[in-house]
Amino acid sequence: MAAWEDREKEDIKADEGLRLKAYTDTLGNWTIGYGHLLKEKPEEGWTQEKADEVFDEDFENAETGAAQAVPFFSALDGPRKGALVNMAFNMGSAGLAGFHGMLNAMNSGDWDTAALHLMNSRYARQVGKRAQRLAYRIRTGEYSLR
């Protein structure tokens, strides 16, 4: 596993938080573990082991989804890949693909404009500091301190 993937897993876990009992998220969806969406409320909670196992699957799905949604994904450095995977984890690959202005700017190497597109989005207003960290990564190609 690449170093950026390890770092991104840590960041996503911190962003999502861990809940071993199901709860409804801000959109009314049943959620458990590290932000894992459920179709319905489970009968019982999860163990740490179950949450970690599902998280690894969700992370792999987010990475695959980001790579499919962003044709130039493989050419990016680790921090920028991580930012896109983080977004795909949070909103799905279809949500990530909807960031046309940001992705077009990234494809052109215009990192400042890409970061501005992210920060001027409804998503940024919803997730606050998470978006600020991701925009920093997109702009600089570096991880910031938490």
Protein backbone atom coordinates (compact mmCIF):
# COMPACT_ATOMS: atom_id res chain seq x y z
CA MET A 1 0.00 0.00 0.00
CA ALA A 2 1.30 3.47 -0.90
CA ALA A 3 2.14 5.88 1.91
CA TRP A 4 -0.57 8.30 0.79
CA GLU A 5 -3.16 5.56 1.21
CA ASP A 6 -2.12 4.98 4.83
CA ARG A 7 -2.25 8.71 5.51
CA GLU A 8 -5.63 9.05 3.81
CA LYS A 9 -7.11 6.20 5.81
CA GLU A 10 -6.05 7.95 9.02
CA ASP A 11 -7.55 11.24 7.84
CA ILE A 12 -10.84 9.72 6.72
CA LYS A 13 -11.21 7.85 10.00
CA ALA A 14 -10.64 11.11 11.88
CA ASP A 15 -13.06 12.98 9.59
CA GLU A 16 -15.81 10.38 9.82
CA GLY A 17 -15.37 9.34 13.44
CA LEU A 18 -16.23 5.87 14.70
CA ARG A 19 -19.67 4.87 15.86
CA LEU A 20 -20.32 1.24 16.74
CA LYS A 21 -24.08 1.81 17.08
CA ALA A 22 -26.18 2.92 14.12
CA TYR A 23 -27.28 6.54 13.91
CA THR A 24 -28.95 8.75 11.33
CA ASP A 25 -26.64 11.17 9.55
CA THR A 26 -27.48 14.77 8.61
CA LEU A 27 -29.38 13.52 5.55
CA GLY A 28 -31.41 10.99 7.56
CA ASN A 29 -29.48 7.92 6.35
CA TRP A 30 -28.66 5.07 8.72
CA THR A 31 -24.91 5.05 9.25
CA ILE A 32 -22.45 3.02 11.35
CA GLY A 33 -18.72 2.47 11.72
CA TYR A 34 -16.62 5.03 9.89
CA GLY A 35 -19.43 6.69 7.95
CA HIS A 36 -20.72 3.48 6.35
CA LEU A 37 -24.22 3.91 4.90
CA LEU A 38 -26.82 1.24 5.64
CA LYS A 39 -30.08 0.45 3.91
CA GLU A 40 -31.84 0.07 7.26
CA LYS A 41 -31.08 0.15 10.96
CA PRO A 42 -29.23 -3.01 12.05
CA GLU A 43 -30.51 -5.13 14.92
CA GLU A 44 -27.27 -4.69 16.86
CA GLY A 45 -24.10 -2.64 16.86
CA TRP A 46 -20.75 -3.49 15.33
CA THR A 47 -17.44 -4.50 16.84
CA GLN A 48 -14.24 -2.57 16.19
CA GLU A 49 -13.10 -5.46 13.98
CA LYS A 50 -16.26 -5.25 11.85
CA ALA A 51 -15.92 -1.47 11.53
CA ASP A 52 -12.28 -1.81 10.41
CA GLU A 53 -13.13 -4.56 7.91
CA VAL A 54 -15.96 -2.57 6.33
CA PHE A 55 -13.84 0.60 6.35
CA ASP A 56 -11.13 -1.14 4.31
CA GLU A 57 -13.76 -2.22 1.76
CA ASP A 58 -15.29 1.28 1.66
CA PHE A 59 -11.85 2.85 1.19
CA GLU A 60 -11.05 0.49 -1.68
CA ASN A 61 -14.41 1.32 -3.29
CA ALA A 62 -13.73 5.06 -2.88
CA GLU A 63 -10.28 4.70 -4.46
CA THR A 64 -11.68 2.69 -7.38
CA GLY A 65 -14.54 5.16 -7.78
CA ALA A 66 -12.19 8.16 -7.76
CA ALA A 67 -9.97 6.51 -10.38
CA GLN A 68 -13.02 5.83 -12.58
CA ALA A 69 -14.49 9.32 -12.13
CA VAL A 70 -11.19 11.14 -12.76
CA PRO A 71 -9.39 9.95 -15.92
CA PHE A 72 -6.07 11.59 -14.91
CA PHE A 73 -6.16 10.14 -11.35
CA SER A 74 -3.11 7.87 -11.83
CA ALA A 75 -0.95 10.85 -12.90
CA LEU A 76 -1.57 12.74 -9.64
CA ASP A 77 0.74 12.82 -6.63
CA GLY A 78 -0.32 11.08 -3.43
CA PRO A 79 -1.80 14.03 -1.52
CA ARG A 80 -3.99 15.02 -4.48
CA LYS A 81 -5.08 11.41 -5.04
CA GLY A 82 -5.87 11.27 -1.35
CA ALA A 83 -8.00 14.40 -1.51
CA LEU A 84 -10.10 12.91 -4.31
CA VAL A 85 -10.44 9.56 -2.52
CA ASN A 86 -11.49 11.38 0.63
CA MET A 87 -14.18 13.21 -1.32
CA ALA A 88 -15.34 10.00 -3.02
CA PHE A 89 -15.50 8.27 0.37
CA ASN A 90 -17.64 11.08 1.74
CA MET A 91 -20.00 11.71 -1.18
CA GLY A 92 -19.50 8.83 -3.61
CA SER A 93 -17.75 8.83 -6.95
CA ALA A 94 -20.79 10.37 -8.65
CA GLY A 95 -20.63 13.30 -6.24
CA LEU A 96 -16.92 13.71 -6.92
CA ALA A 97 -17.51 13.57 -10.68
CA GLY A 98 -19.90 16.53 -10.32
CA PHE A 99 -17.01 18.87 -9.44
CA HIS A 100 -16.48 19.77 -13.10
CA GLY A 101 -14.70 23.08 -12.57
CA MET A 102 -12.36 21.66 -9.93
CA LEU A 103 -11.53 18.57 -11.98
CA ASN A 104 -10.99 20.55 -15.19
CA ALA A 105 -8.61 22.87 -13.36
CA MET A 106 -6.78 19.90 -11.82
CA ASN A 107 -6.45 18.26 -15.23
CA SER A 108 -4.83 21.49 -16.49
CA GLY A 109 -2.51 21.69 -13.48
CA ASP A 110 -4.18 24.90 -12.29
CA TRP A 111 -4.11 23.94 -8.62
CA ASP A 112 -5.12 27.35 -7.24
CA THR A 113 -8.27 27.46 -9.35
CA ALA A 114 -9.09 23.84 -8.48
CA ALA A 115 -8.83 24.63 -4.76
CA LEU A 116 -11.01 27.71 -5.21
CA HIS A 117 -13.70 25.64 -6.96
CA LEU A 118 -13.69 23.23 -4.03
CA MET A 119 -13.88 25.99 -1.42
CA ASN A 120 -16.71 27.77 -3.28
CA SER A 121 -18.90 24.65 -3.24
CA ARG A 122 -21.88 23.69 -1.13
CA TYR A 123 -19.84 20.65 -0.08
CA ALA A 124 -17.19 22.93 1.50
CA ARG A 125 -19.88 24.78 3.44
CA GLN A 126 -21.19 21.45 4.73
CA VAL A 127 -17.89 19.86 5.77
CA GLY A 128 -15.92 22.95 6.84
CA LYS A 129 -12.37 22.18 7.96
CA ARG A 130 -12.33 18.92 6.03
CA ALA A 131 -12.74 20.86 2.78
CA GLN A 132 -10.08 23.37 3.86
CA ARG A 133 -7.57 20.54 4.34
CA LEU A 134 -8.50 18.93 1.02
CA ALA A 135 -8.24 22.25 -0.82
CA TYR A 136 -4.79 22.82 0.71
CA ARG A 137 -3.69 19.42 -0.59
CA ILE A 138 -5.06 20.09 -4.04
CA ARG A 139 -3.39 23.52 -4.15
CA THR A 140 0.02 22.48 -2.79
CA GLY A 141 0.38 18.73 -3.32
CA GLU A 142 1.27 18.46 0.37
CA TYR A 143 -0.46 17.19 3.48
CA SER A 144 -1.20 19.85 6.06
CA LEU A 145 -1.09 19.38 9.78
CA ARG A 146 -4.46 18.53 11.28
